[in-house]
Amino acid sequence: MFFSDFQPNRIMFNIFNINIYWYGFFIFLASLVAFLIYYFLLKKRKKDSSFIANSFLIVFISGFLGTRLGYIFLNLNYYFNNPLEIFSFSYGGMAILFGITLSFITYYLFCLKNKYDFWNLLNFFAIPLCVAQIIGRWGNYFNMELYGVETKLPWGILIEGSYHHPLFLYEILANIFILILISFFYKKTNEPDLKKGFYKITNVKDFKKSIKKYPFFINGGIFFIYLNLYLFFRFFIEFLKPDYKYFNLTSLQYVILIMMIVFNLLFFKHIKNEK
């Protein structure tokens, strides 16, 4: 297969003796598309442009720092011996789970300070984040990273003379499935035209009265579905990694379990308080 045997060039092009990498291009594209989707979704809900820009910038910066710091944490021995590599992104090196965690915390603090409804607004990040992951993971392909153990399956990718599971592709497919699902729920719970909405309500008063019966969706439920499904798929994808395992689990799988427990406790505590 072409996909299996093709060996991509990490360098997209060179300008003034500066290499522009495919990885960086896909990260940039993913961030841009995520912002445009986030802006569009919130504008339809009549949110102020300054709020949209400021909230996205805070999440983007904290997410970027979190992904990098998380990757360094997972590879402490390497970066302890190669400290200058901390600032090098040409070979990738980002752990999205840590980025999501730090973004979650900073966005909560941002909403708390400005008295915004954090859990409701969290829903608007689900679709942009999922789309960004689908786009950004192609950078892993061009970097020839995020691959699994050897396989004889026809879609295995060639890495150093042997074929391996394309874990980045598995994650892309998982995220496409999640995107379709959360887009359906988002459309049903955030349709501006109330006559077409989930509750078939004809006026704002009845809409507000009815929607209170369904606190799950309006209080972060869409983000809840996204994050739990992503963590679920990522947990099982990790079994195909060639990484060293502690009691049959990779270090990232332990991070996933902790994230699921903490986030779900926070979420259901909030839902309980809303009833």
C-alpha atoms as a PDB file:
ATOM      1  CA  MET A   1       0.000   0.000   0.000  1.00  0.00           C
ATOM      2  CA  PHE A   2       1.133   3.540  -0.766  1.00  0.00           C
ATOM      3  CA  PHE A   3       0.249   4.738   2.716  1.00  0.00           C
ATOM      4  CA  SER A   4       2.242   1.919   4.293  1.00  0.00           C
ATOM      5  CA  ASP A   5       5.418   2.269   2.230  1.00  0.00           C
ATOM      6  CA  PHE A   6       5.510   6.028   1.629  1.00  0.00           C
ATOM      7  CA  GLN A   7       8.236   7.753   3.619  1.00  0.00           C
ATOM      8  CA  PRO A   8       7.223  11.404   4.135  1.00  0.00           C
ATOM      9  CA  ASN A   9       9.711  14.236   4.359  1.00  0.00           C
ATOM     10  CA  ARG A  10       9.459  16.058   7.673  1.00  0.00           C
ATOM     11  CA  ILE A  11      10.438  19.328   5.989  1.00  0.00           C
ATOM     12  CA  MET A  12       7.619  21.095   4.163  1.00  0.00           C
ATOM     13  CA  PHE A  13       9.901  23.652   2.485  1.00  0.00           C
ATOM     14  CA  ASN A  14      12.960  25.793   3.137  1.00  0.00           C
ATOM     15  CA  ILE A  15      12.988  29.570   3.047  1.00  0.00           C
ATOM     16  CA  PHE A  16      16.093  31.675   3.700  1.00  0.00           C
ATOM     17  CA  ASN A  17      17.822  28.540   5.033  1.00  0.00           C
ATOM     18  CA  ILE A  18      15.054  28.054   7.583  1.00  0.00           C
ATOM     19  CA  ASN A  19      13.241  24.711   7.526  1.00  0.00           C
ATOM     20  CA  ILE A  20       9.474  24.821   7.767  1.00  0.00           C
ATOM     21  CA  TYR A  21       8.233  21.477   9.080  1.00  0.00           C
ATOM     22  CA  TRP A  22       4.981  19.716   8.309  1.00  0.00           C
ATOM     23  CA  TYR A  23       4.493  19.163  12.037  1.00  0.00           C
ATOM     24  CA  GLY A  24       4.506  22.894  12.725  1.00  0.00           C
ATOM     25  CA  PHE A  25       2.237  23.525   9.747  1.00  0.00           C
ATOM     26  CA  PHE A  26      -0.414  21.091  10.984  1.00  0.00           C
ATOM     27  CA  ILE A  27      -0.225  22.480  14.528  1.00  0.00           C
ATOM     28  CA  PHE A  28      -0.715  25.988  13.137  1.00  0.00           C
ATOM     29  CA  LEU A  29      -3.574  24.856  10.878  1.00  0.00           C
ATOM     30  CA  ALA A  30      -5.256  22.959  13.719  1.00  0.00           C
ATOM     31  CA  SER A  31      -5.048  26.020  15.987  1.00  0.00           C
ATOM     32  CA  LEU A  32      -6.410  28.344  13.304  1.00  0.00           C
ATOM     33  CA  VAL A  33      -9.337  26.090  12.423  1.00  0.00           C
ATOM     34  CA  ALA A  34     -10.115  25.540  16.120  1.00  0.00           C
ATOM     35  CA  PHE A  35     -10.251  29.293  16.700  1.00  0.00           C
ATOM     36  CA  LEU A  36     -12.508  29.895  13.687  1.00  0.00           C
ATOM     37  CA  ILE A  37     -14.937  27.189  14.822  1.00  0.00           C
ATOM     38  CA  TYR A  38     -14.894  28.482  18.413  1.00  0.00           C
ATOM     39  CA  TYR A  39     -15.483  32.035  17.183  1.00  0.00           C
ATOM     40  CA  PHE A  40     -18.344  30.943  14.927  1.00  0.00           C
ATOM     41  CA  LEU A  41     -20.086  28.903  17.628  1.00  0.00           C
ATOM     42  CA  LEU A  42     -19.928  31.649  20.235  1.00  0.00           C
ATOM     43  CA  LYS A  43     -20.857  34.409  17.804  1.00  0.00           C
ATOM     44  CA  LYS A  44     -24.045  32.506  17.028  1.00  0.00           C
ATOM     45  CA  ARG A  45     -24.764  32.667  20.755  1.00  0.00           C
ATOM     46  CA  LYS A  46     -24.229  36.464  20.678  1.00  0.00           C
ATOM     47  CA  LYS A  47     -20.995  36.370  22.675  1.00  0.00           C
ATOM     48  CA  ASP A  48     -18.706  39.395  22.639  1.00  0.00           C
ATOM     49  CA  SER A  49     -15.699  39.241  20.276  1.00  0.00           C
ATOM     50  CA  SER A  50     -13.275  40.331  23.001  1.00  0.00           C
ATOM     51  CA  PHE A  51     -14.437  37.504  25.259  1.00  0.00           C
ATOM     52  CA  ILE A  52     -14.043  34.988  22.429  1.00  0.00           C
ATOM     53  CA  ALA A  53     -10.527  36.175  21.586  1.00  0.00           C
ATOM     54  CA  ASN A  54      -9.340  36.456  25.195  1.00  0.00           C
ATOM     55  CA  SER A  55     -10.751  33.120  26.310  1.00  0.00           C
ATOM     56  CA  PHE A  56      -9.321  31.288  23.310  1.00  0.00           C
ATOM     57  CA  LEU A  57      -5.904  32.931  23.748  1.00  0.00           C
ATOM     58  CA  ILE A  58      -5.755  31.890  27.397  1.00  0.00           C
ATOM     59  CA  VAL A  59      -6.729  28.326  26.548  1.00  0.00           C
ATOM     60  CA  PHE A  60      -4.318  28.187  23.601  1.00  0.00           C
ATOM     61  CA  ILE A  61      -1.301  29.441  25.564  1.00  0.00           C
ATOM     62  CA  SER A  62      -1.964  27.245  28.594  1.00  0.00           C
ATOM     63  CA  GLY A  63      -2.700  24.283  26.337  1.00  0.00           C
ATOM     64  CA  PHE A  64       0.536  24.760  24.408  1.00  0.00           C
ATOM     65  CA  LEU A  65       2.578  25.026  27.615  1.00  0.00           C
ATOM     66  CA  GLY A  66       0.782  22.049  29.104  1.00  0.00           C
ATOM     67  CA  THR A  67       1.401  19.786  26.109  1.00  0.00           C
ATOM     68  CA  ARG A  68       5.098  20.609  26.097  1.00  0.00           C
ATOM     69  CA  LEU A  69       5.651  20.416  29.849  1.00  0.00           C
ATOM     70  CA  GLY A  70       3.712  17.169  29.952  1.00  0.00           C
ATOM     71  CA  TYR A  71       5.878  15.622  27.248  1.00  0.00           C
ATOM     72  CA  ILE A  72       9.014  16.722  29.095  1.00  0.00           C
ATOM     73  CA  PHE A  73       7.638  15.199  32.302  1.00  0.00           C
ATOM     74  CA  LEU A  74       7.036  11.873  30.545  1.00  0.00           C
ATOM     75  CA  ASN A  75      10.606  11.907  29.168  1.00  0.00           C
ATOM     76  CA  LEU A  76      12.530  13.410  32.078  1.00  0.00           C
ATOM     77  CA  ASN A  77      15.623  11.260  31.647  1.00  0.00           C
ATOM     78  CA  TYR A  78      16.095  12.317  28.027  1.00  0.00           C
ATOM     79  CA  TYR A  79      15.627  16.029  28.673  1.00  0.00           C
ATOM     80  CA  PHE A  80      17.775  15.912  31.783  1.00  0.00           C
ATOM     81  CA  ASN A  81      20.645  14.733  29.570  1.00  0.00           C
ATOM     82  CA  ASN A  82      19.653  17.010  26.663  1.00  0.00           C
ATOM     83  CA  PRO A  83      18.318  20.220  28.254  1.00  0.00           C
ATOM     84  CA  LEU A  84      18.602  22.319  25.088  1.00  0.00           C
ATOM     85  CA  GLU A  85      16.192  19.964  23.332  1.00  0.00           C
ATOM     86  CA  ILE A  86      13.446  21.320  25.588  1.00  0.00           C
ATOM     87  CA  PHE A  87      13.107  24.255  23.204  1.00  0.00           C
ATOM     88  CA  SER A  88      13.206  22.184  20.020  1.00  0.00           C
ATOM     89  CA  PHE A  89       9.899  21.251  18.377  1.00  0.00           C
ATOM     90  CA  SER A  90      11.207  19.967  15.042  1.00  0.00           C
ATOM     91  CA  TYR A  91      10.725  16.362  16.199  1.00  0.00           C
ATOM     92  CA  GLY A  92       7.362  16.982  17.821  1.00  0.00           C
ATOM     93  CA  GLY A  93       7.141  16.389  21.531  1.00  0.00           C
ATOM     94  CA  MET A  94       3.680  17.354  22.775  1.00  0.00           C
ATOM     95  CA  ALA A  95       1.411  15.475  25.195  1.00  0.00           C
ATOM     96  CA  ILE A  96      -2.145  16.666  24.598  1.00  0.00           C
ATOM     97  CA  LEU A  97      -3.603  15.245  27.811  1.00  0.00           C
ATOM     98  CA  PHE A  98      -1.509  17.606  29.892  1.00  0.00           C
ATOM     99  CA  GLY A  99      -2.506  20.477  27.605  1.00  0.00           C
ATOM    100  CA  ILE A 100      -6.192  19.699  28.124  1.00  0.00           C
ATOM    101  CA  THR A 101      -5.660  19.562  31.901  1.00  0.00           C
ATOM    102  CA  LEU A 102      -3.846  22.900  32.157  1.00  0.00           C
ATOM    103  CA  SER A 103      -6.327  24.551  29.768  1.00  0.00           C
ATOM    104  CA  PHE A 104      -9.216  23.258  31.866  1.00  0.00           C
ATOM    105  CA  ILE A 105      -7.727  24.811  35.006  1.00  0.00           C
ATOM    106  CA  THR A 106      -6.855  28.176  33.455  1.00  0.00           C
ATOM    107  CA  TYR A 107     -10.226  28.460  31.709  1.00  0.00           C
ATOM    108  CA  TYR A 108     -11.979  27.749  34.995  1.00  0.00           C
ATOM    109  CA  LEU A 109      -9.963  30.502  36.713  1.00  0.00           C
ATOM    110  CA  PHE A 110     -10.683  32.874  33.820  1.00  0.00           C
ATOM    111  CA  CYS A 111     -14.432  32.225  34.057  1.00  0.00           C
ATOM    112  CA  LEU A 112     -14.382  32.420  37.850  1.00  0.00           C
ATOM    113  CA  LYS A 113     -12.625  35.798  37.803  1.00  0.00           C
ATOM    114  CA  ASN A 114     -14.984  37.235  35.186  1.00  0.00           C
ATOM    115  CA  LYS A 115     -18.128  35.519  36.565  1.00  0.00           C
ATOM    116  CA  TYR A 116     -18.864  33.461  33.434  1.00  0.00           C
ATOM    117  CA  ASP A 117     -20.704  30.136  33.409  1.00  0.00           C
ATOM    118  CA  PHE A 118     -17.682  27.853  33.131  1.00  0.00           C
ATOM    119  CA  TRP A 119     -19.472  24.534  32.649  1.00  0.00           C
ATOM    120  CA  ASN A 120     -21.825  25.805  29.988  1.00  0.00           C
ATOM    121  CA  LEU A 121     -19.049  27.575  28.071  1.00  0.00           C
ATOM    122  CA  LEU A 122     -16.911  24.441  28.270  1.00  0.00           C
ATOM    123  CA  ASN A 123     -19.256  22.877  25.720  1.00  0.00           C
ATOM    124  CA  PHE A 124     -18.076  25.311  23.065  1.00  0.00           C
ATOM    125  CA  PHE A 125     -14.535  23.924  23.238  1.00  0.00           C
ATOM    126  CA  ALA A 126     -15.514  20.316  22.535  1.00  0.00           C
ATOM    127  CA  ILE A 127     -15.942  20.571  18.761  1.00  0.00           C
ATOM    128  CA  PRO A 128     -12.951  22.914  18.102  1.00  0.00           C
ATOM    129  CA  LEU A 129     -10.671  20.729  20.211  1.00  0.00           C
ATOM    130  CA  CYS A 130     -11.796  17.540  18.506  1.00  0.00           C
ATOM    131  CA  VAL A 131     -11.281  19.038  15.035  1.00  0.00           C
ATOM    132  CA  ALA A 132      -7.859  20.360  16.059  1.00  0.00           C
ATOM    133  CA  GLN A 133      -6.809  16.867  17.126  1.00  0.00           C
ATOM    134  CA  ILE A 134      -7.928  15.373  13.823  1.00  0.00           C
ATOM    135  CA  ILE A 135      -5.841  17.910  11.896  1.00  0.00           C
ATOM    136  CA  GLY A 136      -2.867  18.046  14.237  1.00  0.00           C
ATOM    137  CA  ARG A 137      -2.336  14.277  14.336  1.00  0.00           C
ATOM    138  CA  TRP A 138      -1.261  14.352  10.688  1.00  0.00           C
ATOM    139  CA  GLY A 139       1.851  16.134  11.913  1.00  0.00           C
ATOM    140  CA  ASN A 140       2.718  12.914  13.755  1.00  0.00           C
ATOM    141  CA  TYR A 141       2.567  11.054  10.458  1.00  0.00           C
ATOM    142  CA  PHE A 142       5.080  13.352   8.786  1.00  0.00           C
ATOM    143  CA  ASN A 143       7.310  13.143  11.852  1.00  0.00           C
ATOM    144  CA  MET A 144       6.989   9.342  11.800  1.00  0.00           C
ATOM    145  CA  GLU A 145       5.980   9.292  15.460  1.00  0.00           C
ATOM    146  CA  LEU A 146       3.064   8.033  17.537  1.00  0.00           C
ATOM    147  CA  TYR A 147       3.317   4.530  16.124  1.00  0.00           C
ATOM    148  CA  GLY A 148       2.766   1.224  17.848  1.00  0.00           C
ATOM    149  CA  VAL A 149       4.262  -2.221  17.988  1.00  0.00           C
ATOM    150  CA  GLU A 150       5.039  -4.191  14.840  1.00  0.00           C
ATOM    151  CA  THR A 151       2.126  -5.522  12.821  1.00  0.00           C
ATOM    152  CA  LYS A 152       1.394  -7.539   9.690  1.00  0.00           C
ATOM    153  CA  LEU A 153      -1.844  -5.681   9.022  1.00  0.00           C
ATOM    154  CA  PRO A 154      -2.023  -4.089   5.540  1.00  0.00           C
ATOM    155  CA  TRP A 155      -2.267  -0.539   6.921  1.00  0.00           C
ATOM    156  CA  GLY A 156       0.894  -0.769   8.999  1.00  0.00           C
ATOM    157  CA  ILE A 157       3.385   2.055   8.372  1.00  0.00           C
ATOM    158  CA  LEU A 158       7.042   1.483   7.587  1.00  0.00           C
ATOM    159  CA  ILE A 159       9.307   2.625  10.424  1.00  0.00           C
ATOM    160  CA  GLU A 160      13.014   1.765  10.312  1.00  0.00           C
ATOM    161  CA  GLY A 161      12.523  -1.307   8.146  1.00  0.00           C
ATOM    162  CA  SER A 162       9.463  -2.820   9.837  1.00  0.00           C
ATOM    163  CA  TYR A 163       5.730  -2.187   9.811  1.00  0.00           C
ATOM    164  CA  HIS A 164       3.979  -0.721  12.852  1.00  0.00           C
ATOM    165  CA  HIS A 165       0.478   0.167  13.972  1.00  0.00           C
ATOM    166  CA  PRO A 166      -0.319   3.779  12.904  1.00  0.00           C
ATOM    167  CA  LEU A 167      -1.595   4.942  16.276  1.00  0.00           C
ATOM    168  CA  PHE A 168      -1.992   8.510  15.040  1.00  0.00           C
ATOM    169  CA  LEU A 169      -4.443   7.200  12.422  1.00  0.00           C
ATOM    170  CA  TYR A 170      -6.384   5.212  15.003  1.00  0.00           C
ATOM    171  CA  GLU A 171      -6.723   8.360  17.063  1.00  0.00           C
ATOM    172  CA  ILE A 172      -7.847  10.372  14.033  1.00  0.00           C
ATOM    173  CA  LEU A 173     -10.576   7.820  13.290  1.00  0.00           C
ATOM    174  CA  ALA A 174     -11.644   7.785  16.932  1.00  0.00           C
ATOM    175  CA  ASN A 175     -11.869  11.570  16.948  1.00  0.00           C
ATOM    176  CA  ILE A 176     -13.920  11.597  13.739  1.00  0.00           C
ATOM    177  CA  PHE A 177     -16.427   9.299  15.437  1.00  0.00           C
ATOM    178  CA  ILE A 178     -16.471  11.524  18.540  1.00  0.00           C
ATOM    179  CA  LEU A 179     -16.860  14.642  16.393  1.00  0.00           C
ATOM    180  CA  ILE A 180     -19.922  13.254  14.622  1.00  0.00           C
ATOM    181  CA  LEU A 181     -21.502  12.313  17.958  1.00  0.00           C
ATOM    182  CA  ILE A 182     -20.884  15.581  19.816  1.00  0.00           C
ATOM    183  CA  SER A 183     -21.874  17.631  16.752  1.00  0.00           C
ATOM    184  CA  PHE A 184     -25.250  15.895  16.833  1.00  0.00           C
ATOM    185  CA  PHE A 185     -25.765  16.690  20.514  1.00  0.00           C
ATOM    186  CA  TYR A 186     -24.477  20.228  20.089  1.00  0.00           C
ATOM    187  CA  LYS A 187     -26.892  20.935  17.262  1.00  0.00           C
ATOM    188  CA  LYS A 188     -29.805  19.539  19.241  1.00  0.00           C
ATOM    189  CA  THR A 189     -29.028  21.537  22.391  1.00  0.00           C
ATOM    190  CA  ASN A 190     -27.771  24.827  20.928  1.00  0.00           C
ATOM    191  CA  GLU A 191     -29.985  25.412  17.914  1.00  0.00           C
ATOM    192  CA  PRO A 192     -30.585  29.214  17.752  1.00  0.00           C
ATOM    193  CA  ASP A 193     -33.924  28.627  16.024  1.00  0.00           C
ATOM    194  CA  LEU A 194     -35.970  27.300  18.940  1.00  0.00           C
ATOM    195  CA  LYS A 195     -38.535  25.717  16.616  1.00  0.00           C
ATOM    196  CA  LYS A 196     -35.807  23.377  15.379  1.00  0.00           C
ATOM    197  CA  GLY A 197     -34.216  22.808  18.764  1.00  0.00           C
ATOM    198  CA  PHE A 198     -34.011  19.718  20.932  1.00  0.00           C
ATOM    199  CA  TYR A 199     -37.029  20.678  23.007  1.00  0.00           C
ATOM    200  CA  LYS A 200     -39.383  21.913  20.232  1.00  0.00           C
ATOM    201  CA  ILE A 201     -40.087  25.079  22.202  1.00  0.00           C
ATOM    202  CA  THR A 202     -41.625  28.139  20.541  1.00  0.00           C
ATOM    203  CA  ASN A 203     -40.555  30.942  22.894  1.00  0.00           C
ATOM    204  CA  VAL A 204     -37.586  31.832  25.067  1.00  0.00           C
ATOM    205  CA  LYS A 205     -39.488  31.574  28.357  1.00  0.00           C
ATOM    206  CA  ASP A 206     -40.615  28.020  27.698  1.00  0.00           C
ATOM    207  CA  PHE A 207     -37.174  27.154  26.350  1.00  0.00           C
ATOM    208  CA  LYS A 208     -35.433  28.246  29.551  1.00  0.00           C
ATOM    209  CA  LYS A 209     -38.024  26.475  31.659  1.00  0.00           C
ATOM    210  CA  SER A 210     -37.683  23.229  29.728  1.00  0.00           C
ATOM    211  CA  ILE A 211     -33.926  23.205  29.400  1.00  0.00           C
ATOM    212  CA  LYS A 212     -33.546  23.211  33.178  1.00  0.00           C
ATOM    213  CA  LYS A 213     -34.897  19.670  33.105  1.00  0.00           C
ATOM    214  CA  TYR A 214     -31.775  18.604  31.213  1.00  0.00           C
ATOM    215  CA  PRO A 215     -28.827  19.979  33.228  1.00  0.00           C
ATOM    216  CA  PHE A 216     -26.475  17.368  31.811  1.00  0.00           C
ATOM    217  CA  PHE A 217     -26.155  18.884  28.342  1.00  0.00           C
ATOM    218  CA  ILE A 218     -26.174  22.584  29.202  1.00  0.00           C
ATOM    219  CA  ASN A 219     -23.688  22.174  32.053  1.00  0.00           C
ATOM    220  CA  GLY A 220     -20.729  20.757  30.188  1.00  0.00           C
ATOM    221  CA  GLY A 221     -22.359  17.527  29.029  1.00  0.00           C
ATOM    222  CA  ILE A 222     -21.083  17.825  25.471  1.00  0.00           C
ATOM    223  CA  PHE A 223     -17.530  18.357  26.695  1.00  0.00           C
ATOM    224  CA  PHE A 224     -18.106  15.479  29.135  1.00  0.00           C
ATOM    225  CA  ILE A 225     -18.997  13.156  26.229  1.00  0.00           C
ATOM    226  CA  TYR A 226     -16.008  14.330  24.186  1.00  0.00           C
ATOM    227  CA  LEU A 227     -13.432  13.986  26.953  1.00  0.00           C
ATOM    228  CA  ASN A 228     -14.612  10.635  28.290  1.00  0.00           C
ATOM    229  CA  LEU A 229     -14.814   9.081  24.842  1.00  0.00           C
ATOM    230  CA  TYR A 230     -11.400  10.446  23.887  1.00  0.00           C
ATOM    231  CA  LEU A 231      -9.818   9.167  27.090  1.00  0.00           C
ATOM    232  CA  PHE A 232     -11.541   5.813  26.606  1.00  0.00           C
ATOM    233  CA  PHE A 233     -10.197   5.371  23.067  1.00  0.00           C
ATOM    234  CA  ARG A 234      -6.767   6.725  23.985  1.00  0.00           C
ATOM    235  CA  PHE A 235      -6.502   4.330  26.927  1.00  0.00           C
ATOM    236  CA  PHE A 236      -6.903   1.282  24.668  1.00  0.00           C
ATOM    237  CA  ILE A 237      -4.736   2.706  21.874  1.00  0.00           C
ATOM    238  CA  GLU A 238      -1.938   2.958  24.434  1.00  0.00           C
ATOM    239  CA  PHE A 239      -1.840  -0.850  24.710  1.00  0.00           C
ATOM    240  CA  LEU A 240      -0.368  -0.912  21.200  1.00  0.00           C
ATOM    241  CA  LYS A 241       2.532   1.350  22.149  1.00  0.00           C
ATOM    242  CA  PRO A 242       6.000  -0.150  22.486  1.00  0.00           C
ATOM    243  CA  ASP A 243       6.590   1.966  25.623  1.00  0.00           C
ATOM    244  CA  TYR A 244       7.813   0.504  28.888  1.00  0.00           C
ATOM    245  CA  LYS A 245       4.864  -0.620  31.016  1.00  0.00           C
ATOM    246  CA  TYR A 246       4.333  -0.515  34.768  1.00  0.00           C
ATOM    247  CA  PHE A 247       2.025  -3.348  35.873  1.00  0.00           C
ATOM    248  CA  ASN A 248       0.958  -3.790  32.227  1.00  0.00           C
ATOM    249  CA  LEU A 249       0.031  -0.108  31.770  1.00  0.00           C
ATOM    250  CA  THR A 250       2.003   2.756  30.226  1.00  0.00           C
ATOM    251  CA  SER A 251       2.668   5.896  32.259  1.00  0.00           C
ATOM    252  CA  LEU A 252       0.154   7.760  30.086  1.00  0.00           C
ATOM    253  CA  GLN A 253      -2.567   5.226  30.876  1.00  0.00           C
ATOM    254  CA  TYR A 254      -2.193   6.065  34.552  1.00  0.00           C
ATOM    255  CA  VAL A 255      -2.529   9.749  33.650  1.00  0.00           C
ATOM    256  CA  ILE A 256      -5.709   8.918  31.695  1.00  0.00           C
ATOM    257  CA  LEU A 257      -7.238   7.046  34.638  1.00  0.00           C
ATOM    258  CA  ILE A 258      -6.491   9.929  36.995  1.00  0.00           C
ATOM    259  CA  MET A 259      -7.969  12.437  34.527  1.00  0.00           C
ATOM    260  CA  MET A 260     -11.157  10.400  34.126  1.00  0.00           C
ATOM    261  CA  ILE A 261     -11.668  10.033  37.871  1.00  0.00           C
ATOM    262  CA  VAL A 262     -10.974  13.682  38.728  1.00  0.00           C
ATOM    263  CA  PHE A 263     -12.957  15.180  35.847  1.00  0.00           C
ATOM    264  CA  ASN A 264     -15.990  12.961  36.387  1.00  0.00           C
ATOM    265  CA  LEU A 265     -16.034  13.678  40.118  1.00  0.00           C
ATOM    266  CA  LEU A 266     -15.958  17.422  39.415  1.00  0.00           C
ATOM    267  CA  PHE A 267     -18.569  17.169  36.683  1.00  0.00           C
ATOM    268  CA  PHE A 268     -21.115  15.106  38.601  1.00  0.00           C
ATOM    269  CA  LYS A 269     -20.601  17.198  41.712  1.00  0.00           C
ATOM    270  CA  HIS A 270     -21.524  20.232  39.631  1.00  0.00           C
ATOM    271  CA  ILE A 271     -24.543  18.489  38.086  1.00  0.00           C
ATOM    272  CA  LYS A 272     -25.744  17.475  41.534  1.00  0.00           C
ATOM    273  CA  ASN A 273     -25.486  21.088  42.728  1.00  0.00           C
ATOM    274  CA  GLU A 274     -27.479  22.281  39.718  1.00  0.00           C
ATOM    275  CA  LYS A 275     -30.469  20.075  40.451  1.00  0.00           C
END
